[in-house]
């Protein structure tokens, strides 16, 4: 069983943002939920908002993305246009 230890909502724009900006040390997972109305693109520091080789995973409105990433693995997200919001939860 996993326990959520941190939860926050941040705004995203068209520039890749680290999700979260300061990862929980020792985390076992990160969960992202798109709480906005546009598509969020999730990937590494070079993520782009398209279907190119650097294009991120498309997180549709109300969609969730969960990964068993420790705190030494960085996740980034951005919007193709405008702004949006993402719920970030981390835990063990």
PDB file of N, CA and C in Angstrom:
ATOM      1  N   UNK A   1       0.839  -1.166   0.000  1.00  0.00           N
ATOM      2  CA  UNK A   1       0.000   0.000   0.000  1.00  0.00           C
ATOM      3  C   UNK A   1       0.893   1.241   0.000  1.00  0.00           C
ATOM      4  N   UNK A   2       0.458   2.244  -0.750  1.00  0.00           N
ATOM      5  CA  UNK A   2       1.201   3.506  -0.812  1.00  0.00           C
ATOM      6  C   UNK A   2       0.503   4.558   0.043  1.00  0.00           C
ATOM      7  N   UNK A   3       1.294   5.485   0.567  1.00  0.00           N
ATOM      8  CA  UNK A   3       0.771   6.581   1.365  1.00  0.00           C
ATOM      9  C   UNK A   3       1.202   7.886   0.719  1.00  0.00           C
ATOM     10  N   UNK A   4       0.250   8.790   0.477  1.00  0.00           N
ATOM     11  CA  UNK A   4       0.560  10.101  -0.083  1.00  0.00           C
ATOM     12  C   UNK A   4       1.083  10.989   1.039  1.00  0.00           C
ATOM     13  N   UNK A   5       2.270  11.555   0.825  1.00  0.00           N
ATOM     14  CA  UNK A   5       2.906  12.383   1.844  1.00  0.00           C
ATOM     15  C   UNK A   5       2.889  13.865   1.499  1.00  0.00           C
ATOM     16  N   UNK A   6       2.855  14.200   0.209  1.00  0.00           N
ATOM     17  CA  UNK A   6       2.779  15.604  -0.196  1.00  0.00           C
ATOM     18  C   UNK A   6       1.761  15.743  -1.305  1.00  0.00           C
ATOM     19  N   UNK A   7       1.115  16.895  -1.345  1.00  0.00           N
ATOM     20  CA  UNK A   7       0.115  17.176  -2.368  1.00  0.00           C
ATOM     21  C   UNK A   7       0.125  18.677  -2.627  1.00  0.00           C
ATOM     22  N   UNK A   8       0.205  19.048  -3.917  1.00  0.00           N
ATOM     23  CA  UNK A   8       0.203  20.464  -4.275  1.00  0.00           C
ATOM     24  C   UNK A   8      -0.348  20.634  -5.679  1.00  0.00           C
ATOM     25  N   UNK A   9      -0.887  21.810  -5.960  1.00  0.00           N
ATOM     26  CA  UNK A   9      -1.342  22.157  -7.304  1.00  0.00           C
ATOM     27  C   UNK A   9      -0.469  23.302  -7.781  1.00  0.00           C
ATOM     28  N   UNK A  10       0.094  23.153  -8.990  1.00  0.00           N
ATOM     29  CA  UNK A  10       0.902  24.228  -9.561  1.00  0.00           C
ATOM     30  C   UNK A  10       0.382  24.573 -10.946  1.00  0.00           C
ATOM     31  N   UNK A  11       0.695  25.785 -11.381  1.00  0.00           N
ATOM     32  CA  UNK A  11       0.324  26.241 -12.717  1.00  0.00           C
ATOM     33  C   UNK A  11       1.446  25.939 -13.687  1.00  0.00           C
ATOM     34  N   UNK A  12       1.068  25.606 -14.918  1.00  0.00           N
ATOM     35  CA  UNK A  12       2.029  25.338 -15.981  1.00  0.00           C
ATOM     36  C   UNK A  12       1.806  26.293 -17.132  1.00  0.00           C
ATOM     37  N   UNK A  13       2.874  26.555 -17.873  1.00  0.00           N
ATOM     38  CA  UNK A  13       2.797  27.364 -19.077  1.00  0.00           C
ATOM     39  C   UNK A  13       3.449  26.628 -20.225  1.00  0.00           C
ATOM     40  N   UNK A  14       3.953  27.381 -21.198  1.00  0.00           N
ATOM     41  CA  UNK A  14       4.527  26.782 -22.405  1.00  0.00           C
ATOM     42  C   UNK A  14       6.016  26.455 -22.266  1.00  0.00           C
ATOM     43  N   UNK A  15       6.604  26.726 -21.108  1.00  0.00           N
ATOM     44  CA  UNK A  15       8.002  26.376 -20.818  1.00  0.00           C
ATOM     45  C   UNK A  15       8.010  25.189 -19.865  1.00  0.00           C
ATOM     46  N   UNK A  16       8.845  24.164 -20.110  1.00  0.00           N
ATOM     47  CA  UNK A  16       8.870  23.009 -19.214  1.00  0.00           C
ATOM     48  C   UNK A  16       9.144  23.399 -17.756  1.00  0.00           C
ATOM     49  N   UNK A  17       8.335  22.856 -16.859  1.00  0.00           N
ATOM     50  CA  UNK A  17       8.494  23.081 -15.421  1.00  0.00           C
ATOM     51  C   UNK A  17       8.739  21.742 -14.735  1.00  0.00           C
ATOM     52  N   UNK A  18       9.635  21.740 -13.749  1.00  0.00           N
ATOM     53  CA  UNK A  18       9.913  20.533 -12.979  1.00  0.00           C
ATOM     54  C   UNK A  18       8.722  20.237 -12.064  1.00  0.00           C
ATOM     55  N   UNK A  19       8.305  18.965 -12.049  1.00  0.00           N
ATOM     56  CA  UNK A  19       7.123  18.557 -11.286  1.00  0.00           C
ATOM     57  C   UNK A  19       7.485  17.503 -10.243  1.00  0.00           C
ATOM     58  N   UNK A  20       7.514  17.851  -8.989  1.00  0.00           N
ATOM     59  CA  UNK A  20       7.466  19.183  -8.394  1.00  0.00           C
ATOM     60  C   UNK A  20       8.836  19.856  -8.463  1.00  0.00           C
ATOM     61  N   UNK A  21       8.877  21.129  -8.116  1.00  0.00           N
ATOM     62  CA  UNK A  21      10.153  21.851  -8.201  1.00  0.00           C
ATOM     63  C   UNK A  21      11.175  21.310  -7.204  1.00  0.00           C
ATOM     64  N   UNK A  22      10.703  20.799  -6.062  1.00  0.00           N
ATOM     65  CA  UNK A  22      11.579  20.173  -5.058  1.00  0.00           C
ATOM     66  C   UNK A  22      10.995  18.803  -4.697  1.00  0.00           C
ATOM     67  N   UNK A  23      11.477  17.736  -5.351  1.00  0.00           N
ATOM     68  CA  UNK A  23      10.928  16.397  -5.087  1.00  0.00           C
ATOM     69  C   UNK A  23      11.101  15.966  -3.630  1.00  0.00           C
ATOM     70  N   UNK A  24      10.154  15.178  -3.149  1.00  0.00           N
ATOM     71  CA  UNK A  24      10.205  14.609  -1.809  1.00  0.00           C
ATOM     72  C   UNK A  24      11.354  13.603  -1.742  1.00  0.00           C
ATOM     73  N   UNK A  25      12.311  13.836  -0.853  1.00  0.00           N
ATOM     74  CA  UNK A  25      13.450  12.934  -0.702  1.00  0.00           C
ATOM     75  C   UNK A  25      12.952  11.574  -0.230  1.00  0.00           C
ATOM     76  N   UNK A  26      13.378  10.531  -0.909  1.00  0.00           N
ATOM     77  CA  UNK A  26      13.006   9.182  -0.532  1.00  0.00           C
ATOM     78  C   UNK A  26      11.647   8.727  -1.049  1.00  0.00           C
ATOM     79  N   UNK A  27      11.045   9.504  -1.927  1.00  0.00           N
ATOM     80  CA  UNK A  27       9.734   9.097  -2.445  1.00  0.00           C
ATOM     81  C   UNK A  27       9.849   7.798  -3.235  1.00  0.00           C
ATOM     82  N   UNK A  28       8.738   7.092  -3.328  1.00  0.00           N
ATOM     83  CA  UNK A  28       8.663   5.873  -4.125  1.00  0.00           C
ATOM     84  C   UNK A  28       7.831   6.070  -5.390  1.00  0.00           C
ATOM     85  N   UNK A  29       6.978   7.094  -5.389  1.00  0.00           N
ATOM     86  CA  UNK A  29       6.150   7.344  -6.574  1.00  0.00           C
ATOM     87  C   UNK A  29       5.779   8.811  -6.673  1.00  0.00           C
ATOM     88  N   UNK A  30       5.400   9.200  -7.872  1.00  0.00           N
ATOM     89  CA  UNK A  30       4.845  10.525  -8.130  1.00  0.00           C
ATOM     90  C   UNK A  30       3.582  10.327  -8.963  1.00  0.00           C
ATOM     91  N   UNK A  31       2.524  11.033  -8.589  1.00  0.00           N
ATOM     92  CA  UNK A  31       1.262  10.985  -9.309  1.00  0.00           C
ATOM     93  C   UNK A  31       0.927  12.384  -9.787  1.00  0.00           C
ATOM     94  N   UNK A  32       0.572  12.507 -11.055  1.00  0.00           N
ATOM     95  CA  UNK A  32       0.145  13.783 -11.625  1.00  0.00           C
ATOM     96  C   UNK A  32      -1.296  13.656 -12.088  1.00  0.00           C
ATOM     97  N   UNK A  33      -2.106  14.671 -11.817  1.00  0.00           N
ATOM     98  CA  UNK A  33      -3.466  14.718 -12.334  1.00  0.00           C
ATOM     99  C   UNK A  33      -3.689  16.078 -12.965  1.00  0.00           C
ATOM    100  N   UNK A  34      -4.182  16.076 -14.195  1.00  0.00           N
ATOM    101  CA  UNK A  34      -4.477  17.307 -14.906  1.00  0.00           C
ATOM    102  C   UNK A  34      -5.795  17.866 -14.364  1.00  0.00           C
ATOM    103  N   UNK A  35      -5.720  18.963 -13.633  1.00  0.00           N
ATOM    104  CA  UNK A  35      -6.920  19.586 -13.074  1.00  0.00           C
ATOM    105  C   UNK A  35      -7.318  20.837 -13.850  1.00  0.00           C
ATOM    106  N   UNK A  36      -6.725  21.008 -15.033  1.00  0.00           N
ATOM    107  CA  UNK A  36      -7.056  22.120 -15.902  1.00  0.00           C
ATOM    108  C   UNK A  36      -7.893  21.659 -17.084  1.00  0.00           C
ATOM    109  N   UNK A  37      -7.977  22.519 -18.105  1.00  0.00           N
ATOM    110  CA  UNK A  37      -8.811  22.215 -19.271  1.00  0.00           C
ATOM    111  C   UNK A  37      -8.020  21.899 -20.532  1.00  0.00           C
ATOM    112  N   UNK A  38      -6.713  22.112 -20.518  1.00  0.00           N
ATOM    113  CA  UNK A  38      -5.874  21.817 -21.680  1.00  0.00           C
ATOM    114  C   UNK A  38      -5.045  20.569 -21.466  1.00  0.00           C
ATOM    115  N   UNK A  39      -4.390  20.105 -22.520  1.00  0.00           N
ATOM    116  CA  UNK A  39      -3.528  18.930 -22.438  1.00  0.00           C
ATOM    117  C   UNK A  39      -2.164  19.306 -21.874  1.00  0.00           C
ATOM    118  N   UNK A  40      -1.682  18.515 -20.913  1.00  0.00           N
ATOM    119  CA  UNK A  40      -0.344  18.678 -20.347  1.00  0.00           C
ATOM    120  C   UNK A  40       0.554  17.631 -20.985  1.00  0.00           C
ATOM    121  N   UNK A  41       1.771  18.020 -21.339  1.00  0.00           N
ATOM    122  CA  UNK A  41       2.755  17.102 -21.908  1.00  0.00           C
ATOM    123  C   UNK A  41       3.808  16.831 -20.840  1.00  0.00           C
ATOM    124  N   UNK A  42       4.007  15.545 -20.502  1.00  0.00           N
ATOM    125  CA  UNK A  42       4.897  15.132 -19.416  1.00  0.00           C
ATOM    126  C   UNK A  42       6.093  14.393 -20.000  1.00  0.00           C
ATOM    127  N   UNK A  43       7.296  14.711 -19.521  1.00  0.00           N
ATOM    128  CA  UNK A  43       8.497  14.029 -19.992  1.00  0.00           C
ATOM    129  C   UNK A  43       9.721  14.467 -19.216  1.00  0.00           C
ATOM    130  N   UNK A  44      10.866  14.450 -19.911  1.00  0.00           N
ATOM    131  CA  UNK A  44      12.110  14.868 -19.262  1.00  0.00           C
ATOM    132  C   UNK A  44      12.331  16.363 -19.472  1.00  0.00           C
ATOM    133  N   UNK A  45      13.515  16.847 -19.160  1.00  0.00           N
ATOM    134  CA  UNK A  45      13.802  18.279 -19.245  1.00  0.00           C
ATOM    135  C   UNK A  45      13.659  18.840 -20.661  1.00  0.00           C
ATOM    136  N   UNK A  46      13.719  17.974 -21.682  1.00  0.00           N
ATOM    137  CA  UNK A  46      13.614  18.412 -23.069  1.00  0.00           C
ATOM    138  C   UNK A  46      12.224  18.194 -23.657  1.00  0.00           C
ATOM    139  N   UNK A  47      11.226  17.936 -22.817  1.00  0.00           N
ATOM    140  CA  UNK A  47       9.884  17.630 -23.292  1.00  0.00           C
ATOM    141  C   UNK A  47       9.343  18.763 -24.166  1.00  0.00           C
ATOM    142  N   UNK A  48       8.617  18.369 -25.222  1.00  0.00           N
ATOM    143  CA  UNK A  48       7.950  19.321 -26.093  1.00  0.00           C
ATOM    144  C   UNK A  48       6.464  18.984 -26.161  1.00  0.00           C
ATOM    145  N   UNK A  49       5.674  19.961 -26.550  1.00  0.00           N
ATOM    146  CA  UNK A  49       4.222  19.794 -26.603  1.00  0.00           C
ATOM    147  C   UNK A  49       3.785  19.409 -28.016  1.00  0.00           C
ATOM    148  N   UNK A  50       4.226  18.219 -28.448  1.00  0.00           N
ATOM    149  CA  UNK A  50       3.880  17.734 -29.782  1.00  0.00           C
ATOM    150  C   UNK A  50       4.089  16.229 -29.838  1.00  0.00           C
ATOM    151  N   UNK A  51       4.037  15.661 -31.027  1.00  0.00           N
ATOM    152  CA  UNK A  51       4.219  14.212 -31.178  1.00  0.00           C
ATOM    153  C   UNK A  51       5.590  13.861 -31.738  1.00  0.00           C
ATOM    154  N   UNK A  52       6.537  14.800 -31.669  1.00  0.00           N
ATOM    155  CA  UNK A  52       7.910  14.542 -32.119  1.00  0.00           C
ATOM    156  C   UNK A  52       8.596  13.577 -31.155  1.00  0.00           C
ATOM    157  N   UNK A  53       9.837  13.233 -31.447  1.00  0.00           N
ATOM    158  CA  UNK A  53      10.587  12.319 -30.599  1.00  0.00           C
ATOM    159  C   UNK A  53      10.733  12.802 -29.164  1.00  0.00           C
ATOM    160  N   UNK A  54      10.710  14.121 -28.943  1.00  0.00           N
ATOM    161  CA  UNK A  54      10.807  14.672 -27.592  1.00  0.00           C
ATOM    162  C   UNK A  54       9.431  15.011 -27.028  1.00  0.00           C
ATOM    163  N   UNK A  55       8.388  14.716 -27.801  1.00  0.00           N
ATOM    164  CA  UNK A  55       7.023  14.995 -27.352  1.00  0.00           C
ATOM    165  C   UNK A  55       6.695  14.195 -26.110  1.00  0.00           C
ATOM    166  N   UNK A  56       6.024  14.834 -25.183  1.00  0.00           N
ATOM    167  CA  UNK A  56       5.729  14.181 -23.917  1.00  0.00           C
ATOM    168  C   UNK A  56       4.477  13.330 -23.942  1.00  0.00           C
ATOM    169  N   UNK A  57       4.285  12.596 -22.857  1.00  0.00           N
ATOM    170  CA  UNK A  57       3.056  11.837 -22.645  1.00  0.00           C
ATOM    171  C   UNK A  57       1.925  12.852 -22.532  1.00  0.00           C
ATOM    172  N   UNK A  58       0.853  12.636 -23.273  1.00  0.00           N
ATOM    173  CA  UNK A  58      -0.264  13.579 -23.270  1.00  0.00           C
ATOM    174  C   UNK A  58      -1.213  13.265 -22.118  1.00  0.00           C
ATOM    175  N   UNK A  59      -1.262  14.171 -21.171  1.00  0.00           N
ATOM    176  CA  UNK A  59      -2.131  14.042 -20.007  1.00  0.00           C
ATOM    177  C   UNK A  59      -3.359  14.918 -20.240  1.00  0.00           C
ATOM    178  N   UNK A  60      -4.453  14.281 -20.629  1.00  0.00           N
ATOM    179  CA  UNK A  60      -5.685  14.992 -20.957  1.00  0.00           C
ATOM    180  C   UNK A  60      -6.361  15.529 -19.699  1.00  0.00           C
ATOM    181  N   UNK A  61      -7.280  16.497 -19.835  1.00  0.00           N
ATOM    182  CA  UNK A  61      -7.992  17.007 -18.666  1.00  0.00           C
ATOM    183  C   UNK A  61      -8.612  15.872 -17.842  1.00  0.00           C
ATOM    184  N   UNK A  62      -8.442  15.916 -16.551  1.00  0.00           N
ATOM    185  CA  UNK A  62      -8.885  14.919 -15.568  1.00  0.00           C
ATOM    186  C   UNK A  62      -8.073  13.625 -15.621  1.00  0.00           C
ATOM    187  N   UNK A  63      -7.109  13.534 -16.528  1.00  0.00           N
ATOM    188  CA  UNK A  63      -6.281  12.338 -16.641  1.00  0.00           C
ATOM    189  C   UNK A  63      -5.248  12.266 -15.534  1.00  0.00           C
ATOM    190  N   UNK A  64      -4.807  11.031 -15.241  1.00  0.00           N
ATOM    191  CA  UNK A  64      -3.785  10.810 -14.224  1.00  0.00           C
ATOM    192  C   UNK A  64      -2.592  10.071 -14.814  1.00  0.00           C
ATOM    193  N   UNK A  65      -1.422  10.323 -14.252  1.00  0.00           N
ATOM    194  CA  UNK A  65      -0.175   9.672 -14.653  1.00  0.00           C
ATOM    195  C   UNK A  65       0.561   9.348 -13.365  1.00  0.00           C
ATOM    196  N   UNK A  66       0.945   8.089 -13.196  1.00  0.00           N
ATOM    197  CA  UNK A  66       1.659   7.686 -11.993  1.00  0.00           C
ATOM    198  C   UNK A  66       2.904   6.904 -12.396  1.00  0.00           C
ATOM    199  N   UNK A  67       3.993   7.146 -11.690  1.00  0.00           N
ATOM    200  CA  UNK A  67       5.243   6.450 -11.992  1.00  0.00           C
ATOM    201  C   UNK A  67       5.988   6.151 -10.699  1.00  0.00           C
ATOM    202  N   UNK A  68       6.638   5.018 -10.664  1.00  0.00           N
ATOM    203  CA  UNK A  68       7.461   4.616  -9.519  1.00  0.00           C
ATOM    204  C   UNK A  68       8.844   5.232  -9.691  1.00  0.00           C
ATOM    205  N   UNK A  69       8.922   6.542  -9.530  1.00  0.00           N
ATOM    206  CA  UNK A  69      10.168   7.283  -9.668  1.00  0.00           C
ATOM    207  C   UNK A  69      10.639   7.751  -8.298  1.00  0.00           C
ATOM    208  N   UNK A  70      11.908   7.499  -8.012  1.00  0.00           N
ATOM    209  CA  UNK A  70      12.509   8.019  -6.792  1.00  0.00           C
ATOM    210  C   UNK A  70      12.809   9.502  -6.987  1.00  0.00           C
ATOM    211  N   UNK A  71      13.224  10.170  -5.931  1.00  0.00           N
ATOM    212  CA  UNK A  71      13.428  11.619  -5.979  1.00  0.00           C
ATOM    213  C   UNK A  71      14.592  12.045  -6.860  1.00  0.00           C
ATOM    214  N   UNK A  72      15.454  11.111  -7.281  1.00  0.00           N
ATOM    215  CA  UNK A  72      16.572  11.473  -8.156  1.00  0.00           C
ATOM    216  C   UNK A  72      16.166  11.478  -9.632  1.00  0.00           C
ATOM    217  N   UNK A  73      14.915  11.152  -9.941  1.00  0.00           N
ATOM    218  CA  UNK A  73      14.405  11.194 -11.313  1.00  0.00           C
ATOM    219  C   UNK A  73      13.486  12.400 -11.439  1.00  0.00           C
ATOM    220  N   UNK A  74      13.840  13.322 -12.332  1.00  0.00           N
ATOM    221  CA  UNK A  74      13.055  14.538 -12.513  1.00  0.00           C
ATOM    222  C   UNK A  74      12.002  14.362 -13.601  1.00  0.00           C
ATOM    223  N   UNK A  75      10.831  14.918 -13.355  1.00  0.00           N
ATOM    224  CA  UNK A  75       9.715  14.890 -14.287  1.00  0.00           C
ATOM    225  C   UNK A  75       9.373  16.338 -14.626  1.00  0.00           C
ATOM    226  N   UNK A  76       9.091  16.601 -15.901  1.00  0.00           N
ATOM    227  CA  UNK A  76       8.759  17.951 -16.353  1.00  0.00           C
ATOM    228  C   UNK A  76       7.431  17.940 -17.080  1.00  0.00           C
ATOM    229  N   UNK A  77       6.773  19.095 -17.099  1.00  0.00           N
ATOM    230  CA  UNK A  77       5.520  19.224 -17.821  1.00  0.00           C
ATOM    231  C   UNK A  77       5.361  20.616 -18.399  1.00  0.00           C
ATOM    232  N   UNK A  78       4.549  20.708 -19.458  1.00  0.00           N
ATOM    233  CA  UNK A  78       4.251  21.989 -20.073  1.00  0.00           C
ATOM    234  C   UNK A  78       2.955  21.893 -20.861  1.00  0.00           C
ATOM    235  N   UNK A  79       2.460  23.039 -21.276  1.00  0.00           N
ATOM    236  CA  UNK A  79       1.251  23.144 -22.082  1.00  0.00           C
ATOM    237  C   UNK A  79       1.649  23.483 -23.518  1.00  0.00           C
ATOM    238  N   UNK A  80       0.784  23.145 -24.479  1.00  0.00           N
ATOM    239  CA  UNK A  80       1.073  23.528 -25.867  1.00  0.00           C
ATOM    240  C   UNK A  80       0.757  25.001 -26.093  1.00  0.00           C
ATOM    241  N   UNK A  81      -0.180  25.537 -25.339  1.00  0.00           N
ATOM    242  CA  UNK A  81      -0.548  26.949 -25.418  1.00  0.00           C
ATOM    243  C   UNK A  81      -1.235  27.335 -24.117  1.00  0.00           C
ATOM    244  N   UNK A  82      -1.158  28.601 -23.779  1.00  0.00           N
ATOM    245  CA  UNK A  82      -1.859  29.071 -22.590  1.00  0.00           C
ATOM    246  C   UNK A  82      -1.283  28.519 -21.302  1.00  0.00           C
ATOM    247  N   UNK A  83      -2.167  28.289 -20.346  1.00  0.00           N
ATOM    248  CA  UNK A  83      -1.723  27.791 -19.050  1.00  0.00           C
ATOM    249  C   UNK A  83      -2.687  26.719 -18.555  1.00  0.00           C
ATOM    250  N   UNK A  84      -2.215  25.963 -17.565  1.00  0.00           N
ATOM    251  CA  UNK A  84      -3.029  24.903 -16.986  1.00  0.00           C
ATOM    252  C   UNK A  84      -2.582  24.631 -15.573  1.00  0.00           C
ATOM    253  N   UNK A  85      -3.221  23.675 -14.944  1.00  0.00           N
ATOM    254  CA  UNK A  85      -2.868  23.319 -13.572  1.00  0.00           C
ATOM    255  C   UNK A  85      -2.722  21.816 -13.445  1.00  0.00           C
ATOM    256  N   UNK A  86      -1.774  21.417 -12.602  1.00  0.00           N
ATOM    257  CA  UNK A  86      -1.528  19.999 -12.365  1.00  0.00           C
ATOM    258  C   UNK A  86      -1.455  19.755 -10.853  1.00  0.00           C
ATOM    259  N   UNK A  87      -2.124  18.698 -10.414  1.00  0.00           N
ATOM    260  CA  UNK A  87      -2.029  18.227  -9.036  1.00  0.00           C
ATOM    261  C   UNK A  87      -0.871  17.252  -8.978  1.00  0.00           C
ATOM    262  N   UNK A  88       0.037  17.471  -8.030  1.00  0.00           N
ATOM    263  CA  UNK A  88       1.200  16.602  -7.867  1.00  0.00           C
ATOM    264  C   UNK A  88       1.129  15.961  -6.485  1.00  0.00           C
ATOM    265  N   UNK A  89       1.182  14.641  -6.453  1.00  0.00           N
ATOM    266  CA  UNK A  89       1.212  13.928  -5.184  1.00  0.00           C
ATOM    267  C   UNK A  89       2.409  12.990  -5.182  1.00  0.00           C
ATOM    268  N   UNK A  90       3.107  12.935  -4.037  1.00  0.00           N
ATOM    269  CA  UNK A  90       4.270  12.059  -3.889  1.00  0.00           C
ATOM    270  C   UNK A  90       4.086  11.244  -2.620  1.00  0.00           C
ATOM    271  N   UNK A  91       4.675  10.064  -2.616  1.00  0.00           N
ATOM    272  CA  UNK A  91       4.541   9.243  -1.431  1.00  0.00           C
ATOM    273  C   UNK A  91       5.451   8.055  -1.414  1.00  0.00           C
ATOM    274  N   UNK A  92       5.164   7.182  -0.465  1.00  0.00           N
ATOM    275  CA  UNK A  92       5.949   5.966  -0.242  1.00  0.00           C
ATOM    276  C   UNK A  92       5.015   4.785  -0.171  1.00  0.00           C
TER     277      UNK A  92
END
